[in-house]
Amino acid sequence: MVISLPSIRLPFHDSLFRVVPGLASTASGLVSLESVNFPGRFVRHRNNQIFVEQNDNTALFRADATFRQVPGLANSSWSSFQSFNFPTRYIRHRNLVLYSEVPATATDRADATFRIVD
């Protein structure tokens, strides 16, 4: 999965994440996003922002780093990622930063919709 914004100049592999079974639960549809370039580091939410951090194997980290992969809120052939422990919140981008927020508008839903690529 590639999450990157064209105006940010990062090494390509720093913007790649592997979709793996959820750290908090391996129930159907639950996933975690592990850094390709930094194995053991996962996308997680904290204080409504998204970070890539080393798994400390606490219950809170596992919950914060687990998302339900659902059909995209703006395009059902893409994906959106619903927070496991705050189910009204989704990963979305705004002003070149990723957040965990409630998508209230069409723009919010578009910003919370991602294309998964191999």
PDB file of N, CA and C in Angstrom:
ATOM      1  N   MET A   1       0.848  -1.162   0.000  1.00  0.00           N
ATOM      2  CA  MET A   1       0.000   0.000   0.000  1.00  0.00           C
ATOM      3  C   MET A   1       0.891   1.222   0.000  1.00  0.00           C
ATOM      4  N   VAL A   2       0.611   2.161  -0.829  1.00  0.00           N
ATOM      5  CA  VAL A   2       1.382   3.394  -0.890  1.00  0.00           C
ATOM      6  C   VAL A   2       0.541   4.517  -0.328  1.00  0.00           C
ATOM      7  N   ILE A   3       1.054   5.187   0.671  1.00  0.00           N
ATOM      8  CA  ILE A   3       0.432   6.407   1.172  1.00  0.00           C
ATOM      9  C   ILE A   3       1.486   7.491   1.030  1.00  0.00           C
ATOM     10  N   SER A   4       1.325   8.336   0.052  1.00  0.00           N
ATOM     11  CA  SER A   4       2.273   9.435  -0.118  1.00  0.00           C
ATOM     12  C   SER A   4       1.566  10.569  -0.820  1.00  0.00           C
ATOM     13  N   LEU A   5       2.046  11.746  -0.622  1.00  0.00           N
ATOM     14  CA  LEU A   5       1.510  12.925  -1.274  1.00  0.00           C
ATOM     15  C   LEU A   5       2.575  13.441  -2.220  1.00  0.00           C
ATOM     16  N   PRO A   6       2.207  13.816  -3.450  1.00  0.00           N
ATOM     17  CA  PRO A   6       3.193  14.148  -4.472  1.00  0.00           C
ATOM     18  C   PRO A   6       4.126  15.296  -4.105  1.00  0.00           C
ATOM     19  N   SER A   7       3.688  16.207  -3.246  1.00  0.00           N
ATOM     20  CA  SER A   7       4.535  17.359  -2.934  1.00  0.00           C
ATOM     21  C   SER A   7       5.560  17.062  -1.843  1.00  0.00           C
ATOM     22  N   ILE A   8       5.484  15.880  -1.252  1.00  0.00           N
ATOM     23  CA  ILE A   8       6.450  15.513  -0.210  1.00  0.00           C
ATOM     24  C   ILE A   8       7.534  14.657  -0.844  1.00  0.00           C
ATOM     25  N   ARG A   9       8.774  15.008  -0.632  1.00  0.00           N
ATOM     26  CA  ARG A   9       9.903  14.268  -1.204  1.00  0.00           C
ATOM     27  C   ARG A   9      10.474  13.316  -0.158  1.00  0.00           C
ATOM     28  N   LEU A  10       9.943  12.110  -0.125  1.00  0.00           N
ATOM     29  CA  LEU A  10      10.443  11.069   0.765  1.00  0.00           C
ATOM     30  C   LEU A  10      11.071   9.981  -0.077  1.00  0.00           C
ATOM     31  N   PRO A  11      12.041   9.265   0.485  1.00  0.00           N
ATOM     32  CA  PRO A  11      12.479   8.069  -0.221  1.00  0.00           C
ATOM     33  C   PRO A  11      11.250   7.188  -0.459  1.00  0.00           C
ATOM     34  N   PHE A  12      11.127   6.652  -1.656  1.00  0.00           N
ATOM     35  CA  PHE A  12       9.924   5.926  -2.061  1.00  0.00           C
ATOM     36  C   PHE A  12       9.511   4.867  -1.044  1.00  0.00           C
ATOM     37  N   HIS A  13      10.444   4.069  -0.573  1.00  0.00           N
ATOM     38  CA  HIS A  13      10.094   2.968   0.323  1.00  0.00           C
ATOM     39  C   HIS A  13       9.633   3.447   1.696  1.00  0.00           C
ATOM     40  N   ASP A  14       9.933   4.696   2.065  1.00  0.00           N
ATOM     41  CA  ASP A  14       9.440   5.227   3.330  1.00  0.00           C
ATOM     42  C   ASP A  14       7.931   5.457   3.283  1.00  0.00           C
ATOM     43  N   SER A  15       7.353   5.473   2.080  1.00  0.00           N
ATOM     44  CA  SER A  15       5.914   5.717   1.960  1.00  0.00           C
ATOM     45  C   SER A  15       5.143   4.434   1.647  1.00  0.00           C
ATOM     46  N   LEU A  16       5.779   3.285   1.821  1.00  0.00           N
ATOM     47  CA  LEU A  16       5.122   2.001   1.551  1.00  0.00           C
ATOM     48  C   LEU A  16       4.780   1.294   2.860  1.00  0.00           C
ATOM     49  N   PHE A  17       3.558   0.746   2.897  1.00  0.00           N
ATOM     50  CA  PHE A  17       3.104   0.016   4.071  1.00  0.00           C
ATOM     51  C   PHE A  17       2.516  -1.312   3.640  1.00  0.00           C
ATOM     52  N   ARG A  18       2.822  -2.328   4.397  1.00  0.00           N
ATOM     53  CA  ARG A  18       2.315  -3.674   4.160  1.00  0.00           C
ATOM     54  C   ARG A  18       1.028  -3.830   4.973  1.00  0.00           C
ATOM     55  N   VAL A  19      -0.032  -4.316   4.337  1.00  0.00           N
ATOM     56  CA  VAL A  19      -1.276  -4.597   5.038  1.00  0.00           C
ATOM     57  C   VAL A  19      -1.143  -5.971   5.682  1.00  0.00           C
ATOM     58  N   VAL A  20      -1.200  -6.024   7.023  1.00  0.00           N
ATOM     59  CA  VAL A  20      -1.019  -7.267   7.779  1.00  0.00           C
ATOM     60  C   VAL A  20      -2.234  -7.478   8.689  1.00  0.00           C
ATOM     61  N   PRO A  21      -2.408  -8.689   9.219  1.00  0.00           N
ATOM     62  CA  PRO A  21      -3.524  -8.904  10.146  1.00  0.00           C
ATOM     63  C   PRO A  21      -3.466  -7.909  11.310  1.00  0.00           C
ATOM     64  N   GLY A  22      -4.635  -7.508  11.789  1.00  0.00           N
ATOM     65  CA  GLY A  22      -4.710  -6.517  12.871  1.00  0.00           C
ATOM     66  C   GLY A  22      -3.946  -6.945  14.107  1.00  0.00           C
ATOM     67  N   LEU A  23      -3.242  -6.000  14.716  1.00  0.00           N
ATOM     68  CA  LEU A  23      -2.473  -6.306  15.932  1.00  0.00           C
ATOM     69  C   LEU A  23      -3.388  -6.553  17.128  1.00  0.00           C
ATOM     70  N   ALA A  24      -4.542  -5.876  17.176  1.00  0.00           N
ATOM     71  CA  ALA A  24      -5.456  -6.030  18.318  1.00  0.00           C
ATOM     72  C   ALA A  24      -6.368  -7.230  18.150  1.00  0.00           C
ATOM     73  N   SER A  25      -6.630  -7.583  16.899  1.00  0.00           N
ATOM     74  CA  SER A  25      -7.524  -8.707  16.612  1.00  0.00           C
ATOM     75  C   SER A  25      -7.320  -9.114  15.165  1.00  0.00           C
ATOM     76  N   THR A  26      -7.350 -10.402  14.915  1.00  0.00           N
ATOM     77  CA  THR A  26      -7.213 -10.882  13.542  1.00  0.00           C
ATOM     78  C   THR A  26      -8.578 -11.201  12.938  1.00  0.00           C
ATOM     79  N   ALA A  27      -9.638 -10.642  13.523  1.00  0.00           N
ATOM     80  CA  ALA A  27     -10.981 -10.850  12.975  1.00  0.00           C
ATOM     81  C   ALA A  27     -11.022 -10.355  11.536  1.00  0.00           C
ATOM     82  N   SER A  28     -11.908 -10.917  10.773  1.00  0.00           N
ATOM     83  CA  SER A  28     -12.039 -10.578   9.354  1.00  0.00           C
ATOM     84  C   SER A  28     -12.171  -9.072   9.152  1.00  0.00           C
ATOM     85  N   GLY A  29     -11.382  -8.551   8.219  1.00  0.00           N
ATOM     86  CA  GLY A  29     -11.442  -7.135   7.875  1.00  0.00           C
ATOM     87  C   GLY A  29     -10.575  -6.236   8.716  1.00  0.00           C
ATOM     88  N   LEU A  30     -10.016  -6.750   9.814  1.00  0.00           N
ATOM     89  CA  LEU A  30      -9.153  -5.920  10.665  1.00  0.00           C
ATOM     90  C   LEU A  30      -7.712  -6.063  10.216  1.00  0.00           C
ATOM     91  N   VAL A  31      -7.048  -4.921  10.047  1.00  0.00           N
ATOM     92  CA  VAL A  31      -5.678  -4.895   9.540  1.00  0.00           C
ATOM     93  C   VAL A  31      -4.839  -3.906  10.327  1.00  0.00           C
ATOM     94  N   SER A  32      -3.545  -4.070  10.195  1.00  0.00           N
ATOM     95  CA  SER A  32      -2.577  -3.078  10.646  1.00  0.00           C
ATOM     96  C   SER A  32      -1.703  -2.759   9.443  1.00  0.00           C
ATOM     97  N   LEU A  33      -1.076  -1.599   9.464  1.00  0.00           N
ATOM     98  CA  LEU A  33      -0.252  -1.136   8.353  1.00  0.00           C
ATOM     99  C   LEU A  33       1.182  -1.029   8.836  1.00  0.00           C
ATOM    100  N   GLU A  34       2.027  -1.976   8.376  1.00  0.00           N
ATOM    101  CA  GLU A  34       3.419  -2.046   8.811  1.00  0.00           C
ATOM    102  C   GLU A  34       4.323  -1.402   7.776  1.00  0.00           C
ATOM    103  N   SER A  35       5.264  -0.594   8.228  1.00  0.00           N
ATOM    104  CA  SER A  35       6.221   0.047   7.335  1.00  0.00           C
ATOM    105  C   SER A  35       7.043  -1.010   6.606  1.00  0.00           C
ATOM    106  N   VAL A  36       7.182  -0.836   5.286  1.00  0.00           N
ATOM    107  CA  VAL A  36       8.023  -1.735   4.505  1.00  0.00           C
ATOM    108  C   VAL A  36       9.490  -1.471   4.819  1.00  0.00           C
ATOM    109  N   ASN A  37       9.851  -0.206   4.919  1.00  0.00           N
ATOM    110  CA  ASN A  37      11.253   0.174   5.124  1.00  0.00           C
ATOM    111  C   ASN A  37      11.712  -0.003   6.570  1.00  0.00           C
ATOM    112  N   PHE A  38      10.766   0.016   7.505  1.00  0.00           N
ATOM    113  CA  PHE A  38      11.097  -0.091   8.929  1.00  0.00           C
ATOM    114  C   PHE A  38      10.199  -1.140   9.577  1.00  0.00           C
ATOM    115  N   PRO A  39      10.480  -2.427   9.340  1.00  0.00           N
ATOM    116  CA  PRO A  39       9.645  -3.492   9.906  1.00  0.00           C
ATOM    117  C   PRO A  39       9.519  -3.337  11.425  1.00  0.00           C
ATOM    118  N   GLY A  40       8.328  -3.625  11.931  1.00  0.00           N
ATOM    119  CA  GLY A  40       8.065  -3.460  13.360  1.00  0.00           C
ATOM    120  C   GLY A  40       7.485  -2.106  13.705  1.00  0.00           C
ATOM    121  N   ARG A  41       7.473  -1.180  12.728  1.00  0.00           N
ATOM    122  CA  ARG A  41       6.846   0.130  12.916  1.00  0.00           C
ATOM    123  C   ARG A  41       5.508   0.114  12.187  1.00  0.00           C
ATOM    124  N   PHE A  42       4.486   0.632  12.877  1.00  0.00           N
ATOM    125  CA  PHE A  42       3.128   0.566  12.361  1.00  0.00           C
ATOM    126  C   PHE A  42       2.471   1.942  12.373  1.00  0.00           C
ATOM    127  N   VAL A  43       1.523   2.111  11.455  1.00  0.00           N
ATOM    128  CA  VAL A  43       0.663   3.291  11.471  1.00  0.00           C
ATOM    129  C   VAL A  43      -0.240   3.157  12.689  1.00  0.00           C
ATOM    130  N   ARG A  44      -0.321   4.227  13.487  1.00  0.00           N
ATOM    131  CA  ARG A  44      -1.214   4.223  14.652  1.00  0.00           C
ATOM    132  C   ARG A  44      -1.723   5.630  14.882  1.00  0.00           C
ATOM    133  N   HIS A  45      -2.859   5.745  15.542  1.00  0.00           N
ATOM    134  CA  HIS A  45      -3.377   7.074  15.879  1.00  0.00           C
ATOM    135  C   HIS A  45      -3.067   7.370  17.340  1.00  0.00           C
ATOM    136  N   ARG A  46      -2.830   8.638  17.594  1.00  0.00           N
ATOM    137  CA  ARG A  46      -2.597   9.129  18.960  1.00  0.00           C
ATOM    138  C   ARG A  46      -2.987  10.589  18.958  1.00  0.00           C
ATOM    139  N   ASN A  47      -3.876  10.974  19.858  1.00  0.00           N
ATOM    140  CA  ASN A  47      -4.348  12.364  19.931  1.00  0.00           C
ATOM    141  C   ASN A  47      -4.880  12.847  18.579  1.00  0.00           C
ATOM    142  N   ASN A  48      -5.595  11.976  17.895  1.00  0.00           N
ATOM    143  CA  ASN A  48      -6.242  12.269  16.607  1.00  0.00           C
ATOM    144  C   ASN A  48      -5.278  12.507  15.450  1.00  0.00           C
ATOM    145  N   GLN A  49      -3.999  12.277  15.645  1.00  0.00           N
ATOM    146  CA  GLN A  49      -3.045  12.336  14.544  1.00  0.00           C
ATOM    147  C   GLN A  49      -2.540  10.926  14.267  1.00  0.00           C
ATOM    148  N   ILE A  50      -1.997  10.729  13.060  1.00  0.00           N
ATOM    149  CA  ILE A  50      -1.458   9.442  12.664  1.00  0.00           C
ATOM    150  C   ILE A  50       0.064   9.508  12.713  1.00  0.00           C
ATOM    151  N   PHE A  51       0.659   8.488  13.304  1.00  0.00           N
ATOM    152  CA  PHE A  51       2.107   8.389  13.427  1.00  0.00           C
ATOM    153  C   PHE A  51       2.547   7.009  12.944  1.00  0.00           C
ATOM    154  N   VAL A  52       3.820   6.876  12.614  1.00  0.00           N
ATOM    155  CA  VAL A  52       4.424   5.573  12.354  1.00  0.00           C
ATOM    156  C   VAL A  52       5.388   5.346  13.509  1.00  0.00           C
ATOM    157  N   GLU A  53       5.093   4.350  14.337  1.00  0.00           N
ATOM    158  CA  GLU A  53       5.870   4.133  15.557  1.00  0.00           C
ATOM    159  C   GLU A  53       6.184   2.661  15.754  1.00  0.00           C
ATOM    160  N   GLN A  54       7.250   2.427  16.506  1.00  0.00           N
ATOM    161  CA  GLN A  54       7.664   1.068  16.856  1.00  0.00           C
ATOM    162  C   GLN A  54       6.594   0.424  17.730  1.00  0.00           C
ATOM    163  N   ASN A  55       6.260  -0.806  17.411  1.00  0.00           N
ATOM    164  CA  ASN A  55       5.287  -1.559  18.203  1.00  0.00           C
ATOM    165  C   ASN A  55       5.862  -1.816  19.586  1.00  0.00           C
ATOM    166  N   ASP A  56       5.207  -1.285  20.627  1.00  0.00           N
ATOM    167  CA  ASP A  56       5.676  -1.533  21.993  1.00  0.00           C
ATOM    168  C   ASP A  56       4.915  -2.698  22.636  1.00  0.00           C
ATOM    169  N   ASN A  57       4.032  -3.328  21.850  1.00  0.00           N
ATOM    170  CA  ASN A  57       3.285  -4.521  22.241  1.00  0.00           C
ATOM    171  C   ASN A  57       2.354  -4.311  23.432  1.00  0.00           C
ATOM    172  N   THR A  58       1.964  -3.058  23.703  1.00  0.00           N
ATOM    173  CA  THR A  58       0.950  -2.817  24.723  1.00  0.00           C
ATOM    174  C   THR A  58      -0.425  -2.959  24.091  1.00  0.00           C
ATOM    175  N   ALA A  59      -1.418  -3.196  24.914  1.00  0.00           N
ATOM    176  CA  ALA A  59      -2.790  -3.308  24.411  1.00  0.00           C
ATOM    177  C   ALA A  59      -3.221  -2.001  23.737  1.00  0.00           C
ATOM    178  N   LEU A  60      -2.828  -0.857  24.296  1.00  0.00           N
ATOM    179  CA  LEU A  60      -3.198   0.430  23.705  1.00  0.00           C
ATOM    180  C   LEU A  60      -2.577   0.595  22.322  1.00  0.00           C
ATOM    181  N   PHE A  61      -1.292   0.281  22.188  1.00  0.00           N
ATOM    182  CA  PHE A  61      -0.650   0.395  20.876  1.00  0.00           C
ATOM    183  C   PHE A  61      -1.354  -0.510  19.870  1.00  0.00           C
ATOM    184  N   ARG A  62      -1.582  -1.770  20.240  1.00  0.00           N
ATOM    185  CA  ARG A  62      -2.226  -2.711  19.319  1.00  0.00           C
ATOM    186  C   ARG A  62      -3.593  -2.206  18.880  1.00  0.00           C
ATOM    187  N   ALA A  63      -4.372  -1.638  19.810  1.00  0.00           N
ATOM    188  CA  ALA A  63      -5.691  -1.099  19.457  1.00  0.00           C
ATOM    189  C   ALA A  63      -5.558   0.122  18.557  1.00  0.00           C
ATOM    190  N   ASP A  64      -4.616   1.020  18.878  1.00  0.00           N
ATOM    191  CA  ASP A  64      -4.417   2.236  18.080  1.00  0.00           C
ATOM    192  C   ASP A  64      -3.883   1.932  16.682  1.00  0.00           C
ATOM    193  N   ALA A  65      -3.251   0.782  16.510  1.00  0.00           N
ATOM    194  CA  ALA A  65      -2.641   0.415  15.224  1.00  0.00           C
ATOM    195  C   ALA A  65      -3.499  -0.592  14.444  1.00  0.00           C
ATOM    196  N   THR A  66      -4.737  -0.765  14.854  1.00  0.00           N
ATOM    197  CA  THR A  66      -5.631  -1.693  14.163  1.00  0.00           C
ATOM    198  C   THR A  66      -6.788  -0.909  13.550  1.00  0.00           C
ATOM    199  N   PHE A  67      -7.097  -1.259  12.306  1.00  0.00           N
ATOM    200  CA  PHE A  67      -8.137  -0.563  11.548  1.00  0.00           C
ATOM    201  C   PHE A  67      -8.988  -1.596  10.818  1.00  0.00           C
ATOM    202  N   ARG A  68     -10.234  -1.245  10.601  1.00  0.00           N
ATOM    203  CA  ARG A  68     -11.102  -2.066   9.766  1.00  0.00           C
ATOM    204  C   ARG A  68     -10.991  -1.513   8.352  1.00  0.00           C
ATOM    205  N   GLN A  69     -10.535  -2.344   7.420  1.00  0.00           N
ATOM    206  CA  GLN A  69     -10.454  -1.942   6.017  1.00  0.00           C
ATOM    207  C   GLN A  69     -11.843  -2.102   5.416  1.00  0.00           C
ATOM    208  N   VAL A  70     -12.405  -0.987   4.963  1.00  0.00           N
ATOM    209  CA  VAL A  70     -13.770  -0.967   4.429  1.00  0.00           C
ATOM    210  C   VAL A  70     -13.748  -0.377   3.019  1.00  0.00           C
ATOM    211  N   PRO A  71     -14.827  -0.579   2.243  1.00  0.00           N
ATOM    212  CA  PRO A  71     -14.885   0.086   0.935  1.00  0.00           C
ATOM    213  C   PRO A  71     -14.709   1.597   1.112  1.00  0.00           C
ATOM    214  N   GLY A  72     -14.016   2.205   0.173  1.00  0.00           N
ATOM    215  CA  GLY A  72     -13.719   3.631   0.271  1.00  0.00           C
ATOM    216  C   GLY A  72     -14.962   4.476   0.464  1.00  0.00           C
ATOM    217  N   LEU A  73     -14.869   5.465   1.338  1.00  0.00           N
ATOM    218  CA  LEU A  73     -16.011   6.322   1.640  1.00  0.00           C
ATOM    219  C   LEU A  73     -16.402   7.188   0.441  1.00  0.00           C
ATOM    220  N   ALA A  74     -15.444   7.482  -0.444  1.00  0.00           N
ATOM    221  CA  ALA A  74     -15.734   8.301  -1.625  1.00  0.00           C
ATOM    222  C   ALA A  74     -15.723   7.494  -2.915  1.00  0.00           C
ATOM    223  N   ASN A  75     -15.106   6.316  -2.890  1.00  0.00           N
ATOM    224  CA  ASN A  75     -15.012   5.469  -4.077  1.00  0.00           C
ATOM    225  C   ASN A  75     -14.926   4.029  -3.569  1.00  0.00           C
ATOM    226  N   SER A  76     -15.984   3.275  -3.756  1.00  0.00           N
ATOM    227  CA  SER A  76     -16.051   1.939  -3.143  1.00  0.00           C
ATOM    228  C   SER A  76     -15.068   0.937  -3.735  1.00  0.00           C
ATOM    229  N   SER A  77     -14.413   1.277  -4.844  1.00  0.00           N
ATOM    230  CA  SER A  77     -13.392   0.371  -5.378  1.00  0.00           C
ATOM    231  C   SER A  77     -12.029   0.628  -4.721  1.00  0.00           C
ATOM    232  N   TRP A  78     -11.928   1.662  -3.915  1.00  0.00           N
ATOM    233  CA  TRP A  78     -10.727   1.948  -3.138  1.00  0.00           C
ATOM    234  C   TRP A  78     -11.006   1.538  -1.692  1.00  0.00           C
ATOM    235  N   SER A  79     -10.188   1.968  -0.732  1.00  0.00           N
ATOM    236  CA  SER A  79     -10.357   1.562   0.667  1.00  0.00           C
ATOM    237  C   SER A  79     -10.323   2.754   1.610  1.00  0.00           C
ATOM    238  N   SER A  80     -11.039   2.604   2.704  1.00  0.00           N
ATOM    239  CA  SER A  80     -10.934   3.518   3.841  1.00  0.00           C
ATOM    240  C   SER A  80     -10.573   2.674   5.053  1.00  0.00           C
ATOM    241  N   PHE A  81      -9.998   3.323   6.069  1.00  0.00           N
ATOM    242  CA  PHE A  81      -9.510   2.616   7.250  1.00  0.00           C
ATOM    243  C   PHE A  81     -10.150   3.206   8.494  1.00  0.00           C
ATOM    244  N   GLN A  82     -11.059   2.426   9.070  1.00  0.00           N
ATOM    245  CA  GLN A  82     -11.831   2.818  10.243  1.00  0.00           C
ATOM    246  C   GLN A  82     -11.073   2.411  11.502  1.00  0.00           C
ATOM    247  N   SER A  83     -10.973   3.310  12.461  1.00  0.00           N
ATOM    248  CA  SER A  83     -10.278   3.012  13.709  1.00  0.00           C
ATOM    249  C   SER A  83     -10.954   1.857  14.441  1.00  0.00           C
ATOM    250  N   PHE A  84     -10.152   0.957  14.962  1.00  0.00           N
ATOM    251  CA  PHE A  84     -10.640  -0.191  15.731  1.00  0.00           C
ATOM    252  C   PHE A  84     -11.250   0.264  17.051  1.00  0.00           C
ATOM    253  N   ASN A  85     -10.559   1.159  17.753  1.00  0.00           N
ATOM    254  CA  ASN A  85     -11.015   1.545  19.086  1.00  0.00           C
ATOM    255  C   ASN A  85     -11.801   2.859  19.123  1.00  0.00           C
ATOM    256  N   PHE A  86     -11.905   3.565  17.996  1.00  0.00           N
ATOM    257  CA  PHE A  86     -12.749   4.753  17.862  1.00  0.00           C
ATOM    258  C   PHE A  86     -13.469   4.633  16.518  1.00  0.00           C
ATOM    259  N   PRO A  87     -14.491   3.779  16.435  1.00  0.00           N
ATOM    260  CA  PRO A  87     -15.059   3.398  15.141  1.00  0.00           C
ATOM    261  C   PRO A  87     -15.731   4.514  14.340  1.00  0.00           C
ATOM    262  N   THR A  88     -15.918   5.686  14.896  1.00  0.00           N
ATOM    263  CA  THR A  88     -16.460   6.794  14.092  1.00  0.00           C
ATOM    264  C   THR A  88     -15.345   7.537  13.359  1.00  0.00           C
ATOM    265  N   ARG A  89     -14.097   7.198  13.661  1.00  0.00           N
ATOM    266  CA  ARG A  89     -12.939   7.898  13.079  1.00  0.00           C
ATOM    267  C   ARG A  89     -12.284   7.054  11.988  1.00  0.00           C
ATOM    268  N   TYR A  90     -11.758   7.749  10.994  1.00  0.00           N
ATOM    269  CA  TYR A  90     -11.077   7.123   9.860  1.00  0.00           C
ATOM    270  C   TYR A  90      -9.750   7.826   9.621  1.00  0.00           C
ATOM    271  N   ILE A  91      -8.783   7.096   9.060  1.00  0.00           N
ATOM    272  CA  ILE A  91      -7.545   7.747   8.619  1.00  0.00           C
ATOM    273  C   ILE A  91      -7.909   8.664   7.462  1.00  0.00           C
ATOM    274  N   ARG A  92      -7.446   9.915   7.535  1.00  0.00           N
ATOM    275  CA  ARG A  92      -7.649  10.857   6.434  1.00  0.00           C
ATOM    276  C   ARG A  92      -6.467  11.815   6.380  1.00  0.00           C
ATOM    277  N   HIS A  93      -6.270  12.424   5.219  1.00  0.00           N
ATOM    278  CA  HIS A  93      -5.207  13.422   5.110  1.00  0.00           C
ATOM    279  C   HIS A  93      -5.829  14.805   5.040  1.00  0.00           C
ATOM    280  N   ARG A  94      -5.114  15.757   5.620  1.00  0.00           N
ATOM    281  CA  ARG A  94      -5.527  17.160   5.597  1.00  0.00           C
ATOM    282  C   ARG A  94      -4.269  17.997   5.774  1.00  0.00           C
ATOM    283  N   ASN A  95      -4.047  18.919   4.846  1.00  0.00           N
ATOM    284  CA  ASN A  95      -2.873  19.808   4.920  1.00  0.00           C
ATOM    285  C   ASN A  95      -1.566  19.032   5.043  1.00  0.00           C
ATOM    286  N   LEU A  96      -1.434  17.958   4.248  1.00  0.00           N
ATOM    287  CA  LEU A  96      -0.216  17.137   4.184  1.00  0.00           C
ATOM    288  C   LEU A  96       0.078  16.359   5.466  1.00  0.00           C
ATOM    289  N   VAL A  97      -0.928  16.198   6.329  1.00  0.00           N
ATOM    290  CA  VAL A  97      -0.772  15.445   7.570  1.00  0.00           C
ATOM    291  C   VAL A  97      -1.904  14.433   7.640  1.00  0.00           C
ATOM    292  N   LEU A  98      -1.610  13.242   8.178  1.00  0.00           N
ATOM    293  CA  LEU A  98      -2.648  12.225   8.371  1.00  0.00           C
ATOM    294  C   LEU A  98      -3.252  12.370   9.762  1.00  0.00           C
ATOM    295  N   TYR A  99      -4.585  12.247   9.808  1.00  0.00           N
ATOM    296  CA  TYR A  99      -5.341  12.364  11.049  1.00  0.00           C
ATOM    297  C   TYR A  99      -6.273  11.178  11.202  1.00  0.00           C
ATOM    298  N   SER A 100      -6.797  11.011  12.396  1.00  0.00           N
ATOM    299  CA  SER A 100      -7.889  10.092  12.684  1.00  0.00           C
ATOM    300  C   SER A 100      -9.076  10.972  13.036  1.00  0.00           C
ATOM    301  N   GLU A 101     -10.041  11.077  12.101  1.00  0.00           N
ATOM    302  CA  GLU A 101     -11.142  12.016  12.286  1.00  0.00           C
ATOM    303  C   GLU A 101     -12.458  11.427  11.800  1.00  0.00           C
ATOM    304  N   VAL A 102     -13.541  12.048  12.237  1.00  0.00           N
ATOM    305  CA  VAL A 102     -14.876  11.697  11.761  1.00  0.00           C
ATOM    306  C   VAL A 102     -15.081  12.394  10.421  1.00  0.00           C
ATOM    307  N   PRO A 103     -15.328  11.653   9.352  1.00  0.00           N
ATOM    308  CA  PRO A 103     -15.522  12.276   8.038  1.00  0.00           C
ATOM    309  C   PRO A 103     -16.937  12.850   7.909  1.00  0.00           C
ATOM    310  N   ALA A 104     -17.068  14.173   8.014  1.00  0.00           N
ATOM    311  CA  ALA A 104     -18.380  14.815   8.046  1.00  0.00           C
ATOM    312  C   ALA A 104     -18.830  15.357   6.688  1.00  0.00           C
ATOM    313  N   THR A 105     -17.890  15.613   5.782  1.00  0.00           N
ATOM    314  CA  THR A 105     -18.233  16.222   4.501  1.00  0.00           C
ATOM    315  C   THR A 105     -17.750  15.341   3.355  1.00  0.00           C
ATOM    316  N   ALA A 106     -18.174  15.685   2.141  1.00  0.00           N
ATOM    317  CA  ALA A 106     -17.705  14.947   0.960  1.00  0.00           C
ATOM    318  C   ALA A 106     -16.188  15.053   0.831  1.00  0.00           C
ATOM    319  N   THR A 107     -15.629  16.215   1.134  1.00  0.00           N
ATOM    320  CA  THR A 107     -14.169  16.388   1.091  1.00  0.00           C
ATOM    321  C   THR A 107     -13.497  15.478   2.112  1.00  0.00           C
ATOM    322  N   ASP A 108     -14.048  15.416   3.317  1.00  0.00           N
ATOM    323  CA  ASP A 108     -13.503  14.522   4.351  1.00  0.00           C
ATOM    324  C   ASP A 108     -13.515  13.078   3.873  1.00  0.00           C
ATOM    325  N   ARG A 109     -14.627  12.662   3.264  1.00  0.00           N
ATOM    326  CA  ARG A 109     -14.741  11.276   2.788  1.00  0.00           C
ATOM    327  C   ARG A 109     -13.733  11.001   1.666  1.00  0.00           C
ATOM    328  N   ALA A 110     -13.536  11.972   0.786  1.00  0.00           N
ATOM    329  CA  ALA A 110     -12.538  11.806  -0.287  1.00  0.00           C
ATOM    330  C   ALA A 110     -11.134  11.714   0.318  1.00  0.00           C
ATOM    331  N   ASP A 111     -10.858  12.534   1.331  1.00  0.00           N
ATOM    332  CA  ASP A 111      -9.549  12.535   1.977  1.00  0.00           C
ATOM    333  C   ASP A 111      -9.311  11.287   2.824  1.00  0.00           C
ATOM    334  N   ALA A 112     -10.366  10.508   3.070  1.00  0.00           N
ATOM    335  CA  ALA A 112     -10.260   9.268   3.841  1.00  0.00           C
ATOM    336  C   ALA A 112     -10.337   8.045   2.930  1.00  0.00           C
ATOM    337  N   THR A 113     -10.147   8.236   1.640  1.00  0.00           N
ATOM    338  CA  THR A 113     -10.238   7.145   0.672  1.00  0.00           C
ATOM    339  C   THR A 113      -8.886   6.953   0.002  1.00  0.00           C
ATOM    340  N   PHE A 114      -8.375   5.727   0.031  1.00  0.00           N
ATOM    341  CA  PHE A 114      -7.029   5.430  -0.450  1.00  0.00           C
ATOM    342  C   PHE A 114      -7.071   4.288  -1.467  1.00  0.00           C
ATOM    343  N   ARG A 115      -6.155   4.333  -2.394  1.00  0.00           N
ATOM    344  CA  ARG A 115      -6.021   3.261  -3.374  1.00  0.00           C
ATOM    345  C   ARG A 115      -4.912   2.325  -2.918  1.00  0.00           C
ATOM    346  N   ILE A 116      -5.204   1.050  -2.891  1.00  0.00           N
ATOM    347  CA  ILE A 116      -4.234   0.030  -2.509  1.00  0.00           C
ATOM    348  C   ILE A 116      -3.548  -0.452  -3.792  1.00  0.00           C
ATOM    349  N   VAL A 117      -2.227  -0.463  -3.776  1.00  0.00           N
ATOM    350  CA  VAL A 117      -1.473  -0.938  -4.938  1.00  0.00           C
ATOM    351  C   VAL A 117      -0.480  -2.004  -4.497  1.00  0.00           C
ATOM    352  N   ASP A 118      -0.128  -2.889  -5.419  1.00  0.00           N
ATOM    353  CA  ASP A 118       0.856  -3.931  -5.109  1.00  0.00           C
ATOM    354  C   ASP A 118       2.250  -3.359  -5.168  1.00  0.00           C
TER     355      ASP A 118
END
